[in-house]
């Protein structure tokens, strides 16, 4: 996992959210950089579920009780996605009337709450 909030990693996890892993990759006969999707595991990698067909930046809040996803910053957006069930269901939330470039989400290091900016 990249600790740089402006660059997504291919695998993300946090020690404060044990067992939850988010990964970027693809499913197929060969490894490829084409058709990359996002996948989540809530059982430490034993099984994986697809969550997005495009790459997103993911942040872990409340010891993994909340996951926040924002589409890669190369495209302006008005929305972010929130999951309160380890990535099984995602709810879209609008945060702006006009599309904005999202460079990152500020989450207090070591915080155990659901506060983000």
N, C-alpha and C. Protein backbone atom coordinates (compact mmCIF):
# COMPACT_ATOMS: atom_id res chain seq x y z
N UNK A 1 0.83 -1.19 0.00
CA UNK A 1 0.00 0.00 0.00
C UNK A 1 0.87 1.24 0.00
N UNK A 2 0.50 2.15 -0.83
CA UNK A 2 1.22 3.42 -0.85
C UNK A 2 0.67 4.32 0.25
N UNK A 3 1.55 4.90 1.05
CA UNK A 3 1.11 5.83 2.09
C UNK A 3 0.86 7.22 1.51
N UNK A 4 1.23 7.43 0.24
CA UNK A 4 0.99 8.70 -0.42
C UNK A 4 -0.49 8.76 -0.82
N UNK A 5 -1.29 9.70 -0.29
CA UNK A 5 -2.71 9.73 -0.59
C UNK A 5 -3.03 10.11 -2.03
N UNK A 6 -2.02 10.57 -2.80
CA UNK A 6 -2.26 10.98 -4.16
C UNK A 6 -2.00 9.87 -5.17
N UNK A 7 -1.48 8.75 -4.71
CA UNK A 7 -1.17 7.63 -5.58
C UNK A 7 -1.79 6.38 -5.00
N UNK A 8 -2.63 5.72 -5.76
CA UNK A 8 -3.24 4.50 -5.23
C UNK A 8 -2.25 3.35 -5.33
N UNK A 9 -2.37 2.43 -4.45
CA UNK A 9 -1.55 1.23 -4.49
C UNK A 9 -2.33 0.12 -5.14
N UNK A 10 -1.67 -0.99 -5.40
CA UNK A 10 -2.38 -2.11 -5.99
C UNK A 10 -3.07 -2.95 -4.93
N UNK A 11 -2.58 -2.90 -3.69
CA UNK A 11 -3.21 -3.60 -2.58
C UNK A 11 -3.24 -2.64 -1.40
N UNK A 12 -4.42 -2.49 -0.77
CA UNK A 12 -4.56 -1.59 0.37
C UNK A 12 -5.15 -2.33 1.56
N UNK A 13 -4.57 -2.09 2.71
CA UNK A 13 -5.11 -2.60 3.96
C UNK A 13 -4.58 -1.72 5.08
N UNK A 14 -5.18 -1.80 6.23
CA UNK A 14 -4.73 -1.03 7.39
C UNK A 14 -4.73 -1.95 8.60
N UNK A 15 -3.77 -1.75 9.48
CA UNK A 15 -3.71 -2.57 10.69
C UNK A 15 -4.92 -2.34 11.58
N UNK A 16 -5.56 -1.18 11.45
CA UNK A 16 -6.75 -0.89 12.25
C UNK A 16 -8.01 -1.55 11.70
N UNK A 17 -7.92 -2.16 10.50
CA UNK A 17 -9.06 -2.85 9.89
C UNK A 17 -8.64 -4.28 9.55
N UNK A 18 -8.47 -5.13 10.57
CA UNK A 18 -7.96 -6.48 10.32
C UNK A 18 -8.86 -7.31 9.41
N UNK A 19 -8.23 -7.99 8.45
CA UNK A 19 -8.95 -8.88 7.55
C UNK A 19 -9.46 -8.23 6.29
N UNK A 20 -9.59 -6.89 6.24
CA UNK A 20 -10.13 -6.22 5.06
C UNK A 20 -8.98 -5.83 4.15
N UNK A 21 -9.06 -6.27 2.90
CA UNK A 21 -8.04 -5.96 1.89
C UNK A 21 -8.76 -5.48 0.64
N UNK A 22 -8.28 -4.40 0.05
CA UNK A 22 -8.79 -3.90 -1.22
C UNK A 22 -7.66 -3.98 -2.23
N UNK A 23 -7.94 -4.52 -3.41
CA UNK A 23 -6.89 -4.70 -4.41
C UNK A 23 -7.38 -4.26 -5.78
N UNK A 24 -6.43 -3.82 -6.58
CA UNK A 24 -6.66 -3.47 -7.97
C UNK A 24 -6.10 -4.60 -8.82
N UNK A 25 -6.84 -5.04 -9.81
CA UNK A 25 -6.33 -6.11 -10.66
C UNK A 25 -7.35 -6.52 -11.69
N UNK A 26 -7.13 -7.69 -12.25
CA UNK A 26 -8.07 -8.21 -13.23
C UNK A 26 -8.21 -9.72 -13.08
N UNK A 27 -9.26 -10.24 -13.63
CA UNK A 27 -9.51 -11.68 -13.63
C UNK A 27 -9.45 -12.14 -15.07
N UNK A 28 -8.69 -13.18 -15.33
CA UNK A 28 -8.60 -13.67 -16.69
C UNK A 28 -7.51 -14.70 -16.84
N UNK A 29 -7.25 -15.07 -18.06
CA UNK A 29 -6.27 -16.11 -18.35
C UNK A 29 -4.83 -15.61 -18.20
N UNK A 30 -4.63 -14.30 -18.19
CA UNK A 30 -3.27 -13.77 -18.08
C UNK A 30 -3.29 -12.46 -17.30
N UNK A 31 -2.14 -12.09 -16.75
CA UNK A 31 -2.02 -10.80 -16.08
C UNK A 31 -1.99 -9.70 -17.12
N UNK A 32 -2.72 -8.64 -16.88
CA UNK A 32 -2.83 -7.57 -17.86
C UNK A 32 -3.12 -6.26 -17.16
N UNK A 33 -2.72 -5.15 -17.76
CA UNK A 33 -3.07 -3.84 -17.25
C UNK A 33 -4.38 -3.34 -17.85
N UNK A 34 -4.97 -4.13 -18.74
CA UNK A 34 -6.25 -3.78 -19.35
C UNK A 34 -7.39 -4.35 -18.49
N UNK A 35 -8.54 -3.74 -18.57
CA UNK A 35 -9.73 -4.19 -17.85
C UNK A 35 -9.47 -4.35 -16.36
N UNK A 36 -8.84 -3.34 -15.76
CA UNK A 36 -8.52 -3.38 -14.34
C UNK A 36 -9.76 -3.03 -13.53
N UNK A 37 -10.01 -3.79 -12.49
CA UNK A 37 -11.13 -3.54 -11.59
C UNK A 37 -10.66 -3.51 -10.15
N UNK A 38 -11.60 -3.26 -9.26
CA UNK A 38 -11.31 -3.21 -7.82
C UNK A 38 -12.02 -4.39 -7.15
N UNK A 39 -11.33 -5.00 -6.19
CA UNK A 39 -11.85 -6.16 -5.48
C UNK A 39 -11.63 -5.98 -3.99
N UNK A 40 -12.49 -6.58 -3.16
CA UNK A 40 -12.35 -6.50 -1.72
C UNK A 40 -12.45 -7.90 -1.12
N UNK A 41 -11.68 -8.10 -0.06
CA UNK A 41 -11.75 -9.32 0.73
C UNK A 41 -11.99 -8.90 2.18
N UNK A 42 -12.93 -9.54 2.83
CA UNK A 42 -13.17 -9.26 4.25
C UNK A 42 -12.80 -10.47 5.10
N UNK A 43 -12.13 -11.45 4.48
CA UNK A 43 -11.68 -12.64 5.22
C UNK A 43 -10.18 -12.87 5.01
N UNK A 44 -9.43 -11.79 5.01
CA UNK A 44 -7.96 -11.82 4.90
C UNK A 44 -7.46 -12.44 3.60
N UNK A 45 -8.22 -12.32 2.53
CA UNK A 45 -7.76 -12.78 1.22
C UNK A 45 -8.20 -14.18 0.83
N UNK A 46 -9.00 -14.85 1.63
CA UNK A 46 -9.49 -16.18 1.25
C UNK A 46 -10.50 -16.12 0.11
N UNK A 47 -11.31 -15.08 0.08
CA UNK A 47 -12.27 -14.90 -1.02
C UNK A 47 -12.30 -13.42 -1.39
N UNK A 48 -12.67 -13.14 -2.65
CA UNK A 48 -12.66 -11.77 -3.17
C UNK A 48 -13.98 -11.47 -3.86
N UNK A 49 -14.45 -10.21 -3.72
CA UNK A 49 -15.66 -9.75 -4.39
C UNK A 49 -15.31 -8.52 -5.24
N UNK A 50 -15.85 -8.43 -6.46
CA UNK A 50 -15.62 -7.20 -7.23
C UNK A 50 -16.43 -6.06 -6.63
N UNK A 51 -15.84 -4.86 -6.60
CA UNK A 51 -16.56 -3.70 -6.08
C UNK A 51 -16.69 -2.57 -7.10
N UNK A 52 -15.68 -2.35 -7.94
CA UNK A 52 -15.75 -1.31 -8.97
C UNK A 52 -15.10 -1.83 -10.24
N UNK A 53 -15.61 -1.37 -11.38
CA UNK A 53 -15.01 -1.74 -12.66
C UNK A 53 -13.88 -0.80 -13.06
N UNK A 54 -13.73 0.30 -12.33
CA UNK A 54 -12.66 1.26 -12.58
C UNK A 54 -11.88 1.45 -11.29
N UNK A 55 -10.65 1.92 -11.43
CA UNK A 55 -9.81 2.10 -10.24
C UNK A 55 -10.28 3.29 -9.42
N UNK A 56 -10.36 3.09 -8.11
CA UNK A 56 -10.75 4.11 -7.15
C UNK A 56 -9.70 4.18 -6.04
N UNK A 57 -9.62 5.33 -5.38
CA UNK A 57 -8.84 5.43 -4.16
C UNK A 57 -9.76 5.04 -3.02
N UNK A 58 -9.26 4.25 -2.07
CA UNK A 58 -10.06 3.74 -0.96
C UNK A 58 -9.44 4.20 0.36
N UNK A 59 -10.29 4.64 1.30
CA UNK A 59 -9.86 5.00 2.64
C UNK A 59 -10.66 4.18 3.65
N UNK A 60 -9.99 3.75 4.71
CA UNK A 60 -10.59 2.95 5.77
C UNK A 60 -10.89 3.86 6.96
N UNK A 61 -12.11 3.88 7.45
CA UNK A 61 -12.50 4.65 8.62
C UNK A 61 -13.11 3.71 9.65
N UNK A 62 -13.14 4.13 10.89
CA UNK A 62 -13.81 3.41 11.97
C UNK A 62 -13.41 1.93 12.02
N UNK A 63 -12.10 1.66 12.01
CA UNK A 63 -11.56 0.30 12.07
C UNK A 63 -12.11 -0.59 10.96
N UNK A 64 -12.36 -0.01 9.80
CA UNK A 64 -12.88 -0.76 8.65
C UNK A 64 -14.39 -0.81 8.62
N UNK A 65 -15.05 -0.19 9.60
CA UNK A 65 -16.51 -0.16 9.62
C UNK A 65 -17.08 0.71 8.51
N UNK A 66 -16.26 1.60 7.99
CA UNK A 66 -16.66 2.45 6.87
C UNK A 66 -15.52 2.48 5.85
N UNK A 67 -15.85 2.30 4.61
CA UNK A 67 -14.90 2.42 3.51
C UNK A 67 -15.38 3.56 2.62
N UNK A 68 -14.46 4.43 2.23
CA UNK A 68 -14.76 5.56 1.36
C UNK A 68 -14.01 5.35 0.05
N UNK A 69 -14.69 5.54 -1.07
CA UNK A 69 -14.05 5.37 -2.38
C UNK A 69 -14.32 6.61 -3.23
N UNK A 70 -13.27 7.08 -3.89
CA UNK A 70 -13.36 8.19 -4.83
C UNK A 70 -12.65 7.77 -6.10
N UNK A 71 -13.29 8.02 -7.23
CA UNK A 71 -12.69 7.67 -8.51
C UNK A 71 -11.34 8.34 -8.66
N UNK A 72 -10.44 7.70 -9.41
CA UNK A 72 -9.10 8.23 -9.61
C UNK A 72 -9.13 9.71 -9.94
N UNK A 73 -8.16 10.49 -9.41
CA UNK A 73 -8.21 11.95 -9.55
C UNK A 73 -7.97 12.49 -10.95
N UNK A 74 -7.79 11.67 -11.95
CA UNK A 74 -7.56 12.18 -13.30
C UNK A 74 -8.85 12.70 -13.94
N UNK A 75 -10.00 12.42 -13.31
CA UNK A 75 -11.28 12.84 -13.85
C UNK A 75 -12.05 13.61 -12.77
N UNK A 76 -12.59 14.79 -13.07
CA UNK A 76 -13.38 15.51 -12.07
C UNK A 76 -14.64 14.72 -11.71
N UNK A 77 -15.05 14.81 -10.45
CA UNK A 77 -16.23 14.08 -10.00
C UNK A 77 -17.00 14.92 -9.00
N UNK A 78 -18.25 14.58 -8.78
CA UNK A 78 -19.10 15.22 -7.77
C UNK A 78 -19.50 14.22 -6.70
N UNK A 79 -19.03 12.98 -6.83
CA UNK A 79 -19.54 11.91 -5.98
C UNK A 79 -18.42 11.15 -5.27
N UNK A 80 -18.78 10.59 -4.15
CA UNK A 80 -17.94 9.59 -3.51
C UNK A 80 -18.84 8.43 -3.12
N UNK A 81 -18.23 7.30 -2.85
CA UNK A 81 -18.96 6.08 -2.49
C UNK A 81 -18.62 5.71 -1.06
N UNK A 82 -19.62 5.25 -0.31
CA UNK A 82 -19.44 4.85 1.08
C UNK A 82 -20.02 3.46 1.28
N UNK A 83 -19.28 2.63 2.02
CA UNK A 83 -19.76 1.30 2.39
C UNK A 83 -19.62 1.14 3.90
N UNK A 84 -20.68 0.65 4.53
CA UNK A 84 -20.66 0.38 5.96
C UNK A 84 -20.70 -1.12 6.27
N UNK A 85 -20.51 -1.95 5.23
CA UNK A 85 -20.58 -3.40 5.44
C UNK A 85 -19.42 -4.13 4.75
N UNK A 86 -18.23 -3.59 4.92
CA UNK A 86 -17.00 -4.19 4.38
C UNK A 86 -17.02 -4.34 2.86
N UNK A 87 -17.63 -3.38 2.18
CA UNK A 87 -17.62 -3.34 0.72
C UNK A 87 -18.66 -4.20 0.03
N UNK A 88 -19.64 -4.71 0.76
CA UNK A 88 -20.69 -5.51 0.12
C UNK A 88 -21.68 -4.63 -0.64
N UNK A 89 -22.05 -3.49 -0.04
CA UNK A 89 -22.94 -2.53 -0.70
C UNK A 89 -22.31 -1.15 -0.62
N UNK A 90 -22.48 -0.37 -1.68
CA UNK A 90 -21.92 0.97 -1.75
C UNK A 90 -23.03 1.97 -2.02
N UNK A 91 -23.00 3.10 -1.32
CA UNK A 91 -23.96 4.17 -1.51
C UNK A 91 -23.23 5.38 -2.06
N UNK A 92 -23.80 5.96 -3.12
CA UNK A 92 -23.18 7.14 -3.73
C UNK A 92 -23.66 8.40 -3.02
N UNK A 93 -22.73 9.30 -2.69
CA UNK A 93 -23.05 10.57 -2.06
C UNK A 93 -22.47 11.70 -2.90
N UNK A 94 -23.26 12.73 -3.14
CA UNK A 94 -22.78 13.92 -3.85
C UNK A 94 -22.19 14.89 -2.83
N UNK A 95 -21.05 15.49 -3.15
CA UNK A 95 -20.42 16.45 -2.25
C UNK A 95 -20.23 17.81 -2.90
N UNK A 96 -20.63 17.95 -4.18
CA UNK A 96 -20.45 19.22 -4.87
C UNK A 96 -21.46 19.33 -5.99
N UNK A 97 -21.86 20.57 -6.32
CA UNK A 97 -22.77 20.79 -7.44
C UNK A 97 -22.03 20.77 -8.77
N UNK A 98 -20.73 21.05 -8.73
CA UNK A 98 -19.92 21.04 -9.94
C UNK A 98 -18.82 19.98 -9.78
N UNK A 99 -18.41 19.35 -10.86
CA UNK A 99 -17.34 18.35 -10.76
C UNK A 99 -16.03 18.97 -10.29
N UNK A 100 -15.33 18.27 -9.39
CA UNK A 100 -14.07 18.72 -8.83
C UNK A 100 -13.02 17.62 -8.97
N UNK A 101 -11.77 18.04 -9.03
CA UNK A 101 -10.68 17.08 -8.95
C UNK A 101 -10.45 16.76 -7.48
N UNK A 102 -10.47 15.50 -7.10
CA UNK A 102 -10.23 15.10 -5.72
C UNK A 102 -8.81 14.57 -5.63
N UNK A 103 -7.96 15.31 -4.92
CA UNK A 103 -6.57 14.90 -4.76
C UNK A 103 -6.39 13.92 -3.62
N UNK A 104 -7.27 13.95 -2.65
CA UNK A 104 -7.14 13.07 -1.52
C UNK A 104 -8.22 13.35 -0.50
N UNK A 105 -8.29 12.51 0.49
CA UNK A 105 -9.23 12.68 1.60
C UNK A 105 -8.39 12.75 2.86
N UNK A 106 -8.67 13.73 3.69
CA UNK A 106 -7.92 13.89 4.92
C UNK A 106 -8.59 13.08 6.02
N UNK A 107 -7.86 12.10 6.54
CA UNK A 107 -8.33 11.28 7.65
C UNK A 107 -7.26 11.38 8.72
N UNK A 108 -7.66 11.75 9.93
CA UNK A 108 -6.69 11.89 11.00
C UNK A 108 -5.98 10.58 11.27
N UNK A 109 -4.66 10.59 11.26
CA UNK A 109 -3.88 9.37 11.47
C UNK A 109 -4.17 8.78 12.85
N UNK A 110 -4.47 7.49 12.88
CA UNK A 110 -4.72 6.79 14.13
C UNK A 110 -6.10 7.03 14.70
N UNK A 111 -6.91 7.82 14.02
CA UNK A 111 -8.26 8.11 14.53
C UNK A 111 -9.13 6.87 14.41
N UNK A 112 -10.02 6.72 15.37
CA UNK A 112 -10.93 5.57 15.36
C UNK A 112 -12.35 6.04 15.18
N UNK A 113 -12.55 7.12 14.43
CA UNK A 113 -13.88 7.65 14.22
C UNK A 113 -14.20 7.69 12.74
N UNK A 114 -15.33 8.27 12.39
CA UNK A 114 -15.73 8.34 10.99
C UNK A 114 -15.66 9.78 10.47
N UNK A 115 -14.68 10.54 10.94
CA UNK A 115 -14.54 11.93 10.51
C UNK A 115 -13.53 11.99 9.37
N UNK A 116 -13.94 12.62 8.27
CA UNK A 116 -13.04 12.83 7.14
C UNK A 116 -13.33 14.18 6.55
N UNK A 117 -12.33 14.73 5.83
CA UNK A 117 -12.50 16.02 5.16
C UNK A 117 -12.04 15.89 3.73
